[in-house]
PDB file of N, CA and C in Angstrom:
ATOM      1  N   MET A   1     118.514  81.778  92.130  1.00  0.00           N
ATOM      2  CA  MET A   1     118.004  80.302  92.851  1.00  0.00           C
ATOM      3  C   MET A   1     117.276  79.828  93.571  1.00  0.00           C
ATOM      4  N   GLU A   2     116.764  78.837  92.038  1.00  0.00           N
ATOM      5  CA  GLU A   2     115.875  78.229  91.916  1.00  0.00           C
ATOM      6  C   GLU A   2     115.440  77.014  92.858  1.00  0.00           C
ATOM      7  N   THR A   3     114.145  76.947  93.813  1.00  0.00           N
ATOM      8  CA  THR A   3     114.018  75.381  94.805  1.00  0.00           C
ATOM      9  C   THR A   3     113.077  75.029  94.192  1.00  0.00           C
ATOM     10  N   LYS A   4     113.061  73.421  94.081  1.00  0.00           N
ATOM     11  CA  LYS A   4     112.465  72.304  93.633  1.00  0.00           C
ATOM     12  C   LYS A   4     111.427  72.414  94.108  1.00  0.00           C
ATOM     13  N   GLY A   5     110.199  72.677  92.684  1.00  0.00           N
ATOM     14  CA  GLY A   5     108.953  72.036  92.523  1.00  0.00           C
ATOM     15  C   GLY A   5     108.752  74.164  92.865  1.00  0.00           C
ATOM     16  N   SER A   6     109.644  75.309  92.234  1.00  0.00           N
ATOM     17  CA  SER A   6     108.892  76.136  92.453  1.00  0.00           C
ATOM     18  C   SER A   6     108.576  76.723  90.873  1.00  0.00           C
ATOM     19  N   GLN A   7     107.832  78.080  90.578  1.00  0.00           N
ATOM     20  CA  GLN A   7     107.360  78.099  89.414  1.00  0.00           C
ATOM     21  C   GLN A   7     108.229  79.419  88.987  1.00  0.00           C
ATOM     22  N   ASN A   8     108.937  80.483  88.095  1.00  0.00           N
ATOM     23  CA  ASN A   8     109.277  81.121  87.668  1.00  0.00           C
ATOM     24  C   ASN A   8     107.668  81.659  87.293  1.00  0.00           C
ATOM     25  N   VAL A   9     107.479  83.479  88.100  1.00  0.00           N
ATOM     26  CA  VAL A   9     106.154  83.921  88.213  1.00  0.00           C
ATOM     27  C   VAL A   9     106.932  85.139  87.655  1.00  0.00           C
ATOM     28  N   SER A  10     106.805  85.825  86.512  1.00  0.00           N
ATOM     29  CA  SER A  10     107.034  87.355  86.337  1.00  0.00           C
ATOM     30  C   SER A  10     106.386  88.099  86.932  1.00  0.00           C
ATOM     31  N   ALA A  11     106.787  89.766  87.119  1.00  0.00           N
ATOM     32  CA  ALA A  11     105.518  90.628  88.189  1.00  0.00           C
ATOM     33  C   ALA A  11     104.934  91.061  87.329  1.00  0.00           C
ATOM     34  N   CYS A  12     104.781  90.601  86.649  1.00  0.00           N
ATOM     35  CA  CYS A  12     103.562  91.014  85.500  1.00  0.00           C
ATOM     36  C   CYS A  12     102.461  89.663  86.066  1.00  0.00           C
ATOM     37  N   ASN A  13     102.614  88.709  86.224  1.00  0.00           N
ATOM     38  CA  ASN A  13     101.566  87.976  86.978  1.00  0.00           C
ATOM     39  C   ASN A  13     101.441  87.767  88.337  1.00  0.00           C
ATOM     40  N   LEU A  14     101.442  89.156  88.692  1.00  0.00           N
ATOM     41  CA  LEU A  14     101.238  89.212  90.584  1.00  0.00           C
ATOM     42  C   LEU A  14     100.375  90.237  90.688  1.00  0.00           C
ATOM     43  N   ALA A  15      99.276  90.663  89.445  1.00  0.00           N
ATOM     44  CA  ALA A  15      98.780  91.183  89.260  1.00  0.00           C
ATOM     45  C   ALA A  15      97.150  90.718  89.928  1.00  0.00           C
ATOM     46  N   SER A  16      97.345  89.132  89.949  1.00  0.00           N
ATOM     47  CA  SER A  16      96.532  88.637  90.382  1.00  0.00           C
ATOM     48  C   SER A  16      96.147  87.574  91.571  1.00  0.00           C
ATOM     49  N   VAL A  17      97.000  88.031  92.618  1.00  0.00           N
ATOM     50  CA  VAL A  17      97.783  87.892  93.518  1.00  0.00           C
ATOM     51  C   VAL A  17      96.857  87.437  94.615  1.00  0.00           C
ATOM     52  N   PRO A  18      95.897  86.057  95.117  1.00  0.00           N
ATOM     53  CA  PRO A  18      94.445  86.247  95.765  1.00  0.00           C
ATOM     54  C   PRO A  18      94.579  86.208  97.334  1.00  0.00           C
ATOM     55  N   ILE A  19      93.490  86.944  97.256  1.00  0.00           N
ATOM     56  CA  ILE A  19      93.293  87.458  99.006  1.00  0.00           C
ATOM     57  C   ILE A  19      92.135  86.778  99.246  1.00  0.00           C
ATOM     58  N   ALA A  20      93.433  87.069 100.682  1.00  0.00           N
ATOM     59  CA  ALA A  20      92.476  86.471 101.983  1.00  0.00           C
ATOM     60  C   ALA A  20      91.626  86.025 102.457  1.00  0.00           C
ATOM     61  N   GLU A  21      90.154  85.311 102.787  1.00  0.00           N
ATOM     62  CA  GLU A  21      89.373  84.816 103.191  1.00  0.00           C
ATOM     63  C   GLU A  21      88.946  86.309 104.634  1.00  0.00           C
ATOM     64  N   ASP A  22      89.588  86.227 105.153  1.00  0.00           N
ATOM     65  CA  ASP A  22      89.514  87.369 106.377  1.00  0.00           C
ATOM     66  C   ASP A  22      89.651  88.978 106.277  1.00  0.00           C
ATOM     67  N   GLY A  23      90.119  89.304 104.953  1.00  0.00           N
ATOM     68  CA  GLY A  23      90.536  90.641 104.448  1.00  0.00           C
ATOM     69  C   GLY A  23      91.482  91.375 104.632  1.00  0.00           C
ATOM     70  N   VAL A  24      92.503  90.634 104.550  1.00  0.00           N
ATOM     71  CA  VAL A  24      94.391  90.451 104.827  1.00  0.00           C
ATOM     72  C   VAL A  24      94.545  90.292 103.847  1.00  0.00           C
ATOM     73  N   ILE A  25      95.807  90.409 103.100  1.00  0.00           N
ATOM     74  CA  ILE A  25      96.843  90.143 102.131  1.00  0.00           C
ATOM     75  C   ILE A  25      98.277  90.085 102.357  1.00  0.00           C
ATOM     76  N   TYR A  26      99.255  89.132 102.431  1.00  0.00           N
ATOM     77  CA  TYR A  26      99.721  88.972 103.325  1.00  0.00           C
ATOM     78  C   TYR A  26     100.807  88.994 101.731  1.00  0.00           C
ATOM     79  N   ILE A  27     102.501  89.391 102.610  1.00  0.00           N
ATOM     80  CA  ILE A  27     103.597  89.263 101.564  1.00  0.00           C
ATOM     81  C   ILE A  27     104.380  88.826 102.045  1.00  0.00           C
ATOM     82  N   ALA A  28     105.760  88.615 101.504  1.00  0.00           N
ATOM     83  CA  ALA A  28     107.298  88.071 102.398  1.00  0.00           C
ATOM     84  C   ALA A  28     108.499  88.977 101.283  1.00  0.00           C
ATOM     85  N   ILE A  29     109.179  89.836 102.375  1.00  0.00           N
ATOM     86  CA  ILE A  29     110.676  90.273 102.500  1.00  0.00           C
ATOM     87  C   ILE A  29     111.418  89.058 102.883  1.00  0.00           C
ATOM     88  N   LYS A  30     112.837  88.659 101.731  1.00  0.00           N
ATOM     89  CA  LYS A  30     113.532  88.503 102.470  1.00  0.00           C
ATOM     90  C   LYS A  30     115.176  89.179 102.087  1.00  0.00           C
ATOM     91  N   GLY A  31     115.857  89.268 103.307  1.00  0.00           N
ATOM     92  CA  GLY A  31     117.266  89.392 103.114  1.00  0.00           C
ATOM     93  C   GLY A  31     117.764  89.702 104.539  1.00  0.00           C
ATOM     94  N   SER A  32     119.186  90.358 103.889  1.00  0.00           N
ATOM     95  CA  SER A  32     120.041  90.865 105.759  1.00  0.00           C
ATOM     96  C   SER A  32     120.025  91.433 105.694  1.00  0.00           C
ATOM     97  N   LEU A  33     120.571  92.070 107.337  1.00  0.00           N
ATOM     98  CA  LEU A  33     120.514  93.106 107.527  1.00  0.00           C
ATOM     99  C   LEU A  33     122.170  93.792 107.514  1.00  0.00           C
ATOM    100  N   HIS A  34     122.781  92.841 106.551  1.00  0.00           N
ATOM    101  CA  HIS A  34     124.418  92.534 106.067  1.00  0.00           C
ATOM    102  C   HIS A  34     124.449  93.645 104.503  1.00  0.00           C
ATOM    103  N   ALA A  35     122.835  93.510 104.141  1.00  0.00           N
ATOM    104  CA  ALA A  35     123.290  93.119 102.500  1.00  0.00           C
ATOM    105  C   ALA A  35     122.909  95.023 102.033  1.00  0.00           C
ATOM    106  N   SER A  36     122.915  95.466 100.293  1.00  0.00           N
ATOM    107  CA  SER A  36     122.191  96.563 100.322  1.00  0.00           C
ATOM    108  C   SER A  36     121.148  95.928  99.230  1.00  0.00           C
ATOM    109  N   ASP A  37     120.312  94.938  98.680  1.00  0.00           N
ATOM    110  CA  ASP A  37     119.444  94.642  98.400  1.00  0.00           C
ATOM    111  C   ASP A  37     118.935  93.349  98.995  1.00  0.00           C
ATOM    112  N   CYS A  38     117.239  93.432  99.089  1.00  0.00           N
ATOM    113  CA  CYS A  38     116.688  92.683  99.042  1.00  0.00           C
ATOM    114  C   CYS A  38     115.202  91.875  97.928  1.00  0.00           C
ATOM    115  N   SER A  39     114.644  90.558  98.605  1.00  0.00           N
ATOM    116  CA  SER A  39     113.411  90.019  97.781  1.00  0.00           C
ATOM    117  C   SER A  39     112.322  90.273  98.348  1.00  0.00           C
ATOM    118  N   VAL A  40     111.307  90.994  97.241  1.00  0.00           N
ATOM    119  CA  VAL A  40     109.914  90.816  98.347  1.00  0.00           C
ATOM    120  C   VAL A  40     108.681  90.034  97.227  1.00  0.00           C
ATOM    121  N   PHE A  41     107.748  89.178  97.774  1.00  0.00           N
ATOM    122  CA  PHE A  41     107.554  88.003  97.391  1.00  0.00           C
ATOM    123  C   PHE A  41     105.794  88.769  97.205  1.00  0.00           C
ATOM    124  N   GLY A  42     105.062  88.774  96.263  1.00  0.00           N
ATOM    125  CA  GLY A  42     103.496  88.577  96.876  1.00  0.00           C
ATOM    126  C   GLY A  42     102.757  90.383  95.980  1.00  0.00           C
ATOM    127  N   LEU A  43     103.681  91.164  95.819  1.00  0.00           N
ATOM    128  CA  LEU A  43     102.886  92.295  95.660  1.00  0.00           C
ATOM    129  C   LEU A  43     102.099  92.556  94.197  1.00  0.00           C
ATOM    130  N   GLY A  44     101.256  93.118  94.020  1.00  0.00           N
ATOM    131  CA  GLY A  44     100.521  93.373  93.147  1.00  0.00           C
ATOM    132  C   GLY A  44     101.223  94.340  92.283  1.00  0.00           C
ATOM    133  N   ASN A  45     101.249  94.626  90.835  1.00  0.00           N
ATOM    134  CA  ASN A  45     101.665  95.201  89.807  1.00  0.00           C
ATOM    135  C   ASN A  45     101.655  96.862  90.741  1.00  0.00           C
ATOM    136  N   GLU A  46     100.628  97.341  90.787  1.00  0.00           N
ATOM    137  CA  GLU A  46     101.166  99.067  91.927  1.00  0.00           C
ATOM    138  C   GLU A  46     101.608  98.830  92.576  1.00  0.00           C
ATOM    139  N   GLU A  47     101.694  98.219  93.425  1.00  0.00           N
ATOM    140  CA  GLU A  47     102.864  97.666  94.348  1.00  0.00           C
ATOM    141  C   GLU A  47     104.112  98.067  94.423  1.00  0.00           C
ATOM    142  N   ILE A  48     104.375  97.063  93.601  1.00  0.00           N
ATOM    143  CA  ILE A  48     105.608  96.397  92.129  1.00  0.00           C
ATOM    144  C   ILE A  48     106.247  97.862  91.845  1.00  0.00           C
ATOM    145  N   LYS A  49     105.268  99.046  91.174  1.00  0.00           N
ATOM    146  CA  LYS A  49     105.456 100.111  90.451  1.00  0.00           C
ATOM    147  C   LYS A  49     105.888 101.440  91.706  1.00  0.00           C
ATOM    148  N   ALA A  50     105.261 100.912  92.720  1.00  0.00           N
ATOM    149  CA  ALA A  50     105.406 101.928  93.676  1.00  0.00           C
ATOM    150  C   ALA A  50     107.307 102.143  94.517  1.00  0.00           C
ATOM    151  N   ILE A  51     106.967 100.653  94.530  1.00  0.00           N
ATOM    152  CA  ILE A  51     108.619 100.451  95.617  1.00  0.00           C
ATOM    153  C   ILE A  51     109.358 100.132  94.297  1.00  0.00           C
ATOM    154  N   THR A  52     109.498 100.203  93.055  1.00  0.00           N
ATOM    155  CA  THR A  52     110.682 100.126  92.692  1.00  0.00           C
ATOM    156  C   THR A  52     110.812 101.230  92.041  1.00  0.00           C
ATOM    157  N   LYS A  53     109.680 102.969  91.899  1.00  0.00           N
ATOM    158  CA  LYS A  53     109.684 104.259  91.558  1.00  0.00           C
ATOM    159  C   LYS A  53     110.378 104.918  92.778  1.00  0.00           C
ATOM    160  N   LYS A  54     110.588 104.479  94.032  1.00  0.00           N
ATOM    161  CA  LYS A  54     111.106 105.052  95.348  1.00  0.00           C
ATOM    162  C   LYS A  54     112.740 104.153  95.128  1.00  0.00           C
ATOM    163  N   PHE A  55     113.200 102.998  94.976  1.00  0.00           N
ATOM    164  CA  PHE A  55     114.009 102.456  94.569  1.00  0.00           C
ATOM    165  C   PHE A  55     115.178 102.963  93.707  1.00  0.00           C
ATOM    166  N   PRO A  56     115.677 103.001  92.237  1.00  0.00           N
ATOM    167  CA  PRO A  56     115.876 103.171  91.240  1.00  0.00           C
ATOM    168  C   PRO A  56     117.059 101.484  91.299  1.00  0.00           C
ATOM    169  N   GLY A  57     116.301 101.151  90.400  1.00  0.00           N
ATOM    170  CA  GLY A  57     117.186  99.671  89.987  1.00  0.00           C
ATOM    171  C   GLY A  57     116.945  98.524  90.524  1.00  0.00           C
ATOM    172  N   SER A  58     115.770  98.937  91.423  1.00  0.00           N
ATOM    173  CA  SER A  58     115.019  97.536  91.889  1.00  0.00           C
ATOM    174  C   SER A  58     113.572  97.066  90.054  1.00  0.00           C
ATOM    175  N   GLY A  59     113.426  95.635  90.109  1.00  0.00           N
ATOM    176  CA  GLY A  59     112.667  95.662  89.697  1.00  0.00           C
ATOM    177  C   GLY A  59     112.549  93.932  88.742  1.00  0.00           C
ATOM    178  N   SER A  60     114.027  93.812  88.879  1.00  0.00           N
ATOM    179  CA  SER A  60     114.659  92.776  88.655  1.00  0.00           C
ATOM    180  C   SER A  60     113.844  91.357  88.731  1.00  0.00           C
ATOM    181  N   ASN A  61     112.999  90.729  88.488  1.00  0.00           N
ATOM    182  CA  ASN A  61     112.794  89.591  88.678  1.00  0.00           C
ATOM    183  C   ASN A  61     113.481  88.391  89.607  1.00  0.00           C
ATOM    184  N   VAL A  62     112.931  88.289  90.482  1.00  0.00           N
ATOM    185  CA  VAL A  62     113.285  86.791  90.995  1.00  0.00           C
ATOM    186  C   VAL A  62     112.233  85.728  90.882  1.00  0.00           C
ATOM    187  N   VAL A  63     112.836  84.896  91.577  1.00  0.00           N
ATOM    188  CA  VAL A  63     111.611  83.588  91.060  1.00  0.00           C
ATOM    189  C   VAL A  63     110.700  83.986  92.070  1.00  0.00           C
ATOM    190  N   ASN A  64     109.271  83.917  91.493  1.00  0.00           N
ATOM    191  CA  ASN A  64     108.357  84.208  92.393  1.00  0.00           C
ATOM    192  C   ASN A  64     108.011  85.440  93.279  1.00  0.00           C
ATOM    193  N   GLY A  65     109.175  86.525  92.579  1.00  0.00           N
ATOM    194  CA  GLY A  65     109.163  87.426  93.664  1.00  0.00           C
ATOM    195  C   GLY A  65     109.981  88.983  92.318  1.00  0.00           C
ATOM    196  N   VAL A  66     110.303  89.738  93.475  1.00  0.00           N
ATOM    197  CA  VAL A  66     111.121  91.049  92.471  1.00  0.00           C
ATOM    198  C   VAL A  66     111.856  91.737  93.849  1.00  0.00           C
ATOM    199  N   MET A  67     112.847  92.465  92.723  1.00  0.00           N
ATOM    200  CA  MET A  67     114.358  92.507  93.874  1.00  0.00           C
ATOM    201  C   MET A  67     114.526  93.958  94.201  1.00  0.00           C
ATOM    202  N   ILE A  68     114.542  94.080  95.717  1.00  0.00           N
ATOM    203  CA  ILE A  68     114.542  95.997  95.306  1.00  0.00           C
ATOM    204  C   ILE A  68     116.474  96.096  96.227  1.00  0.00           C
ATOM    205  N   LYS A  69     116.439  97.065  95.372  1.00  0.00           N
ATOM    206  CA  LYS A  69     117.965  97.771  95.375  1.00  0.00           C
ATOM    207  C   LYS A  69     117.888  98.087  96.455  1.00  0.00           C
ATOM    208  N   ALA A  70     117.717  98.752  97.693  1.00  0.00           N
ATOM    209  CA  ALA A  70     118.085  98.417  99.468  1.00  0.00           C
ATOM    210  C   ALA A  70     118.085  97.852 100.531  1.00  0.00           C
ATOM    211  N   ASN A  71     118.475  98.461 101.230  1.00  0.00           N
ATOM    212  CA  ASN A  71     118.046  97.527 102.906  1.00  0.00           C
ATOM    213  C   ASN A  71     117.311  97.029 103.562  1.00  0.00           C
ATOM    214  N   VAL A  72     117.280  95.461 103.514  1.00  0.00           N
ATOM    215  CA  VAL A  72     115.735  95.185 103.734  1.00  0.00           C
ATOM    216  C   VAL A  72     114.994  96.442 104.869  1.00  0.00           C
ATOM    217  N   LEU A  73     115.428  96.495 106.118  1.00  0.00           N
ATOM    218  CA  LEU A  73     114.435  97.611 106.935  1.00  0.00           C
ATOM    219  C   LEU A  73     114.301  98.731 106.733  1.00  0.00           C
ATOM    220  N   GLN A  74     114.719  99.455 105.240  1.00  0.00           N
ATOM    221  CA  GLN A  74     114.320 100.798 104.174  1.00  0.00           C
ATOM    222  C   GLN A  74     113.342 100.410 103.202  1.00  0.00           C
ATOM    223  N   ALA A  75     113.370  98.731 102.680  1.00  0.00           N
ATOM    224  CA  ALA A  75     112.632  98.165 102.128  1.00  0.00           C
ATOM    225  C   ALA A  75     111.088  97.858 102.855  1.00  0.00           C
ATOM    226  N   ILE A  76     111.266  97.015 104.254  1.00  0.00           N
ATOM    227  CA  ILE A  76     110.767  96.951 104.965  1.00  0.00           C
ATOM    228  C   ILE A  76     109.694  98.094 105.421  1.00  0.00           C
ATOM    229  N   ASN A  77     110.035  99.618 105.837  1.00  0.00           N
ATOM    230  CA  ASN A  77     109.798 100.842 105.693  1.00  0.00           C
ATOM    231  C   ASN A  77     108.859 101.440 104.952  1.00  0.00           C
ATOM    232  N   ALA A  78     109.184 101.354 103.701  1.00  0.00           N
ATOM    233  CA  ALA A  78     108.922 101.569 102.664  1.00  0.00           C
ATOM    234  C   ALA A  78     107.262 101.024 102.348  1.00  0.00           C
ATOM    235  N   LEU A  79     107.226 100.010 102.588  1.00  0.00           N
ATOM    236  CA  LEU A  79     106.250  98.805 102.417  1.00  0.00           C
ATOM    237  C   LEU A  79     105.484  99.101 104.040  1.00  0.00           C
ATOM    238  N   CYS A  80     105.501  99.494 104.668  1.00  0.00           N
ATOM    239  CA  CYS A  80     104.610  99.914 106.077  1.00  0.00           C
ATOM    240  C   CYS A  80     104.391 101.080 105.071  1.00  0.00           C
ATOM    241  N   GLN A  81     104.405 102.208 104.435  1.00  0.00           N
ATOM    242  CA  GLN A  81     103.862 103.688 103.843  1.00  0.00           C
ATOM    243  C   GLN A  81     102.667 103.000 103.613  1.00  0.00           C
ATOM    244  N   LEU A  82     102.714 101.834 102.889  1.00  0.00           N
ATOM    245  CA  LEU A  82     101.667 101.142 102.117  1.00  0.00           C
ATOM    246  C   LEU A  82     100.633 100.772 102.325  1.00  0.00           C
ATOM    247  N   GLY A  83     100.375 100.659 103.675  1.00  0.00           N
ATOM    248  CA  GLY A  83     100.003 100.183 105.016  1.00  0.00           C
ATOM    249  C   GLY A  83      99.722  98.756 105.416  1.00  0.00           C
ATOM    250  N   TYR A  84     101.573  97.779 104.966  1.00  0.00           N
ATOM    251  CA  TYR A  84     101.693  96.840 105.855  1.00  0.00           C
ATOM    252  C   TYR A  84     102.706  96.700 107.188  1.00  0.00           C
ATOM    253  N   LYS A  85     101.816  96.025 107.840  1.00  0.00           N
ATOM    254  CA  LYS A  85     102.529  94.952 109.180  1.00  0.00           C
ATOM    255  C   LYS A  85     103.359  94.452 109.571  1.00  0.00           C
ATOM    256  N   ILE A  86     104.281  94.273 110.389  1.00  0.00           N
ATOM    257  CA  ILE A  86     105.211  93.218 110.093  1.00  0.00           C
ATOM    258  C   ILE A  86     104.151  91.942 110.793  1.00  0.00           C
ATOM    259  N   VAL A  87     103.765  90.581 110.695  1.00  0.00           N
ATOM    260  CA  VAL A  87     103.030  90.017 111.263  1.00  0.00           C
ATOM    261  C   VAL A  87     104.285  88.734 112.202  1.00  0.00           C
ATOM    262  N   CYS A  88     105.787  88.350 111.789  1.00  0.00           N
ATOM    263  CA  CYS A  88     106.631  87.835 111.736  1.00  0.00           C
ATOM    264  C   CYS A  88     107.070  87.604 111.522  1.00  0.00           C
ATOM    265  N   SER A  89     108.809  86.753 112.014  1.00  0.00           N
ATOM    266  CA  SER A  89     109.701  86.823 110.896  1.00  0.00           C
ATOM    267  C   SER A  89     110.411  85.094 111.422  1.00  0.00           C
ATOM    268  N   THR A  90     111.292  84.698 110.541  1.00  0.00           N
ATOM    269  CA  THR A  90     112.189  83.682 111.022  1.00  0.00           C
ATOM    270  C   THR A  90     113.827  84.003 110.625  1.00  0.00           C
ATOM    271  N   GLY A  91     114.427  83.405 111.057  1.00  0.00           N
ATOM    272  CA  GLY A  91     116.743  83.355 110.149  1.00  0.00           C
ATOM    273  C   GLY A  91     116.967  83.929 111.025  1.00  0.00           C
ATOM    274  N   GLU A  92     118.244  83.448 110.606  1.00  0.00           N
ATOM    275  CA  GLU A  92     119.634  84.363 110.961  1.00  0.00           C
ATOM    276  C   GLU A  92     120.292  85.727 110.437  1.00  0.00           C
ATOM    277  N   ALA A  93     120.932  84.406 109.560  1.00  0.00           N
ATOM    278  CA  ALA A  93     121.608  85.807 108.712  1.00  0.00           C
ATOM    279  C   ALA A  93     121.540  85.996 107.219  1.00  0.00           C
ATOM    280  N   GLU A  94     120.015  85.106 106.854  1.00  0.00           N
ATOM    281  CA  GLU A  94     119.284  86.312 106.082  1.00  0.00           C
ATOM    282  C   GLU A  94     117.844  85.388 106.964  1.00  0.00           C
ATOM    283  N   ILE A  95     117.176  86.362 106.633  1.00  0.00           N
ATOM    284  CA  ILE A  95     116.005  86.372 107.768  1.00  0.00           C
ATOM    285  C   ILE A  95     115.034  86.386 106.656  1.00  0.00           C
ATOM    286  N   THR A  96     113.347  85.830 106.986  1.00  0.00           N
ATOM    287  CA  THR A  96     112.364  86.038 106.494  1.00  0.00           C
ATOM    288  C   THR A  96     111.780  87.135 106.919  1.00  0.00           C
ATOM    289  N   TRP A  97     110.722  88.142 106.792  1.00  0.00           N
ATOM    290  CA  TRP A  97     109.596  88.821 107.374  1.00  0.00           C
ATOM    291  C   TRP A  97     108.220  88.699 106.563  1.00  0.00           C
ATOM    292  N   THR A  98     107.761  88.306 107.353  1.00  0.00           N
ATOM    293  CA  THR A  98     106.285  87.960 107.049  1.00  0.00           C
ATOM    294  C   THR A  98     105.105  89.117 107.091  1.00  0.00           C
ATOM    295  N   LEU A  99     104.912  90.240 105.466  1.00  0.00           N
ATOM    296  CA  LEU A  99     103.606  91.171 106.468  1.00  0.00           C
ATOM    297  C   LEU A  99     102.897  91.061 106.358  1.00  0.00           C
ATOM    298  N   GLN A 100     101.745  91.855 106.664  1.00  0.00           N
ATOM    299  CA  GLN A 100      99.766  92.000 105.964  1.00  0.00           C
ATOM    300  C   GLN A 100      99.497  93.304 106.480  1.00  0.00           C
ATOM    301  N   ARG A 101      98.239  93.919 105.456  1.00  0.00           N
ATOM    302  CA  ARG A 101      98.104  94.525 105.016  1.00  0.00           C
ATOM    303  C   ARG A 101      96.721  94.422 104.692  1.00  0.00           C
ATOM    304  N   ASP A 102      95.787  95.164 105.544  1.00  0.00           N
ATOM    305  CA  ASP A 102      94.118  94.742 105.310  1.00  0.00           C
ATOM    306  C   ASP A 102      93.782  95.287 103.639  1.00  0.00           C
ATOM    307  N   ILE A 103      92.307  94.443 103.606  1.00  0.00           N
ATOM    308  CA  ILE A 103      92.053  94.727 101.912  1.00  0.00           C
ATOM    309  C   ILE A 103      90.579  95.866 102.603  1.00  0.00           C
TER     310      ILE A 103
END
């Protein structure tokens, strides 16, 4: 689903994700606790390779992100292994979690 003003960015363009001035980077993961897939936004190429290797069938592009073929909690746990921590969440039926990692 494309939103007004959004741009379709392929996974190969995510390597140049801007780094925040305070020494952390942020990503977002969006999904439902009742679904078997979710979307992650803001990952770099190496992180995309790692997460798609862990969850076969993942990697199809979504607008500005990548689809992960796993329950959102499994994906969050995998991202935590890459050094990310949840900093906030919002939503009800479909939730968006913001995660951060120190660089």
